[in-house]
């Protein structure tokens, strides 16, 4: 599966072998947004191995030529009516190419499909958190019809 208009990247499901490259991507994005690298392989593996999460259905990576993971998205599917959490990243050097939009739409599709499979007729409720410094992510969410509902401060 390719990102529309970009034949130099491929979208696929992550494997356990992608764990460290995904962590490297997340931490690169965190530093680019003015934060620090605080994601760990242990915490991500815990997410991936959660009984309510399927690496084969709930996550995607975008891989550039040469094998570098430049995009990652996961959706934590819930059918109890609570918001499904989105968590996505695009490498700063690959921003503005439609990768984030592509990944977000895959996650939305998965959420919709999960509710349909569970025969839930409730509207899909999705929630994503972005750093205030990430202007591209803000533009993406607004363009896709999302609304800001709250601001949070991370204090250290």
Protein backbone atom coordinates (compact mmCIF):
# COMPACT_ATOMS: atom_id res chain seq x y z
CA UNK A 1 0.00 0.00 0.00
CA UNK A 2 1.58 3.27 -1.07
CA UNK A 3 0.93 6.79 0.13
CA UNK A 4 -1.05 8.55 -2.58
CA UNK A 5 1.32 10.23 -5.02
CA UNK A 6 4.46 8.92 -3.32
CA UNK A 7 5.92 5.74 -4.74
CA UNK A 8 9.06 6.01 -2.60
CA UNK A 9 7.29 4.93 0.61
CA UNK A 10 5.28 1.84 1.45
CA UNK A 11 2.71 1.31 4.20
CA UNK A 12 2.59 -2.03 5.97
CA UNK A 13 1.78 -3.58 9.32
CA UNK A 14 4.56 -3.40 11.91
CA UNK A 15 6.27 -6.48 13.26
CA UNK A 16 8.13 -7.00 16.51
CA UNK A 17 11.34 -6.39 14.53
CA UNK A 18 10.10 -2.81 14.01
CA UNK A 19 9.93 -2.07 17.73
CA UNK A 20 13.21 -0.17 18.09
CA UNK A 21 12.85 1.73 14.77
CA UNK A 22 9.35 2.83 15.86
CA UNK A 23 10.75 4.00 19.22
CA UNK A 24 13.52 5.86 17.39
CA UNK A 25 10.88 7.60 15.23
CA UNK A 26 8.72 8.54 18.23
CA UNK A 27 11.72 9.94 20.09
CA UNK A 28 12.94 11.85 17.02
CA UNK A 29 9.51 13.46 16.74
CA UNK A 30 9.45 14.25 20.46
CA UNK A 31 12.81 16.02 20.28
CA UNK A 32 11.78 17.93 17.13
CA UNK A 33 8.71 19.20 19.03
CA UNK A 34 10.91 20.57 21.81
CA UNK A 35 10.61 17.62 24.12
CA UNK A 36 12.97 14.89 25.09
CA UNK A 37 13.29 11.26 24.04
CA UNK A 38 11.18 9.52 26.67
CA UNK A 39 9.57 6.59 24.85
CA UNK A 40 10.99 3.16 25.57
CA UNK A 41 10.84 -0.16 23.84
CA UNK A 42 9.48 -1.72 27.03
CA UNK A 43 6.45 0.58 27.23
CA UNK A 44 5.69 0.26 23.50
CA UNK A 45 6.00 -3.53 23.66
CA UNK A 46 3.57 -3.52 26.57
CA UNK A 47 1.08 -1.62 24.38
CA UNK A 48 1.64 -3.97 21.46
CA UNK A 49 1.14 -7.05 23.63
CA UNK A 50 -2.00 -5.78 25.35
CA UNK A 51 -4.93 -8.20 24.93
CA UNK A 52 -7.05 -5.38 23.49
CA UNK A 53 -4.49 -4.46 20.81
CA UNK A 54 -3.66 -6.28 17.58
CA UNK A 55 -0.41 -5.39 15.86
CA UNK A 56 -1.87 -6.94 12.69
CA UNK A 57 -5.00 -4.77 12.74
CA UNK A 58 -4.45 -1.66 14.87
CA UNK A 59 -1.08 -0.28 13.68
CA UNK A 60 0.79 0.75 10.54
CA UNK A 61 4.29 1.86 9.59
CA UNK A 62 5.36 3.85 6.56
CA UNK A 63 8.75 2.76 5.27
CA UNK A 64 10.95 4.87 3.00
CA UNK A 65 13.42 3.61 0.45
CA UNK A 66 16.33 2.13 2.34
CA UNK A 67 14.05 0.68 5.01
CA UNK A 68 13.76 3.67 7.38
CA UNK A 69 10.43 3.88 9.22
CA UNK A 70 9.21 7.43 8.62
CA UNK A 71 5.63 7.09 9.83
CA UNK A 72 3.75 5.20 12.51
CA UNK A 73 0.12 5.13 13.61
CA UNK A 74 -1.85 3.08 16.07
CA UNK A 75 -5.45 3.19 17.21
CA UNK A 76 -6.58 1.72 20.50
CA UNK A 77 -9.93 0.25 19.54
CA UNK A 78 -12.76 0.44 22.06
CA UNK A 79 -16.32 -0.65 21.44
CA UNK A 80 -17.70 0.50 24.80
CA UNK A 81 -18.45 4.01 23.55
CA UNK A 82 -15.36 5.66 25.05
CA UNK A 83 -13.04 7.52 22.67
CA UNK A 84 -10.55 5.48 20.72
CA UNK A 85 -7.04 6.84 21.17
CA UNK A 86 -4.95 7.73 18.13
CA UNK A 87 -1.17 7.85 18.34
CA UNK A 88 0.72 8.83 15.19
CA UNK A 89 4.11 10.13 14.14
CA UNK A 90 5.77 11.32 10.94
CA UNK A 91 9.50 11.88 10.76
CA UNK A 92 10.16 15.65 10.54
CA UNK A 93 12.18 15.19 7.34
CA UNK A 94 9.12 13.61 5.70
CA UNK A 95 6.45 16.03 6.93
CA UNK A 96 4.12 17.65 4.41
CA UNK A 97 4.01 14.65 2.08
CA UNK A 98 0.59 13.29 3.06
CA UNK A 99 1.95 10.51 5.26
CA UNK A 100 0.13 11.74 8.37
CA UNK A 101 -3.16 12.11 6.50
CA UNK A 102 -2.78 8.63 5.04
CA UNK A 103 -2.10 7.08 8.46
CA UNK A 104 -4.90 8.98 10.18
CA UNK A 105 -7.40 7.80 7.57
CA UNK A 106 -6.25 4.20 8.01
CA UNK A 107 -6.83 4.49 11.76
CA UNK A 108 -10.25 6.04 11.23
CA UNK A 109 -11.16 3.20 8.88
CA UNK A 110 -10.05 0.62 11.41
CA UNK A 111 -12.12 2.27 14.15
CA UNK A 112 -15.21 2.37 11.95
CA UNK A 113 -14.73 -1.24 10.91
CA UNK A 114 -14.27 -2.39 14.52
CA UNK A 115 -17.56 -0.81 15.57
CA UNK A 116 -19.35 -2.31 12.58
CA UNK A 117 -17.98 -5.76 13.39
CA UNK A 118 -19.21 -5.38 16.96
CA UNK A 119 -22.61 -4.32 15.58
CA UNK A 120 -22.32 -1.00 17.41
CA UNK A 121 -24.33 1.79 15.84
CA UNK A 122 -22.78 4.56 17.93
CA UNK A 123 -20.73 7.19 16.14
CA UNK A 124 -16.99 6.64 16.10
CA UNK A 125 -15.30 8.77 18.76
CA UNK A 126 -11.59 9.33 18.19
CA UNK A 127 -9.13 11.30 20.28
CA UNK A 128 -5.57 12.27 19.50
CA UNK A 129 -3.02 14.24 21.46
CA UNK A 130 -0.47 16.47 19.77
CA UNK A 131 2.26 18.76 21.00
CA UNK A 132 1.44 22.44 20.66
CA UNK A 133 4.71 22.89 18.77
CA UNK A 134 3.53 20.51 16.04
CA UNK A 135 1.81 22.95 13.68
CA UNK A 136 1.62 20.35 10.89
CA UNK A 137 -0.36 17.96 13.11
CA UNK A 138 -2.71 20.76 14.16
CA UNK A 139 -3.37 21.61 10.49
CA UNK A 140 -3.91 17.94 9.68
CA UNK A 141 -6.47 17.40 12.44
CA UNK A 142 -8.36 20.60 11.55
CA UNK A 143 -8.37 19.68 7.85
CA UNK A 144 -9.77 16.25 8.73
CA UNK A 145 -12.61 17.75 10.78
CA UNK A 146 -11.28 17.31 14.32
CA UNK A 147 -11.91 19.91 16.99
CA UNK A 148 -9.74 21.02 19.86
CA UNK A 149 -11.37 20.05 23.14
CA UNK A 150 -8.68 20.82 25.71
CA UNK A 151 -5.11 21.91 26.30
CA UNK A 152 -2.81 20.02 28.62
CA UNK A 153 0.45 21.11 30.14
CA UNK A 154 3.27 18.65 30.62
CA UNK A 155 5.22 19.77 33.63
CA UNK A 156 8.60 18.43 34.62
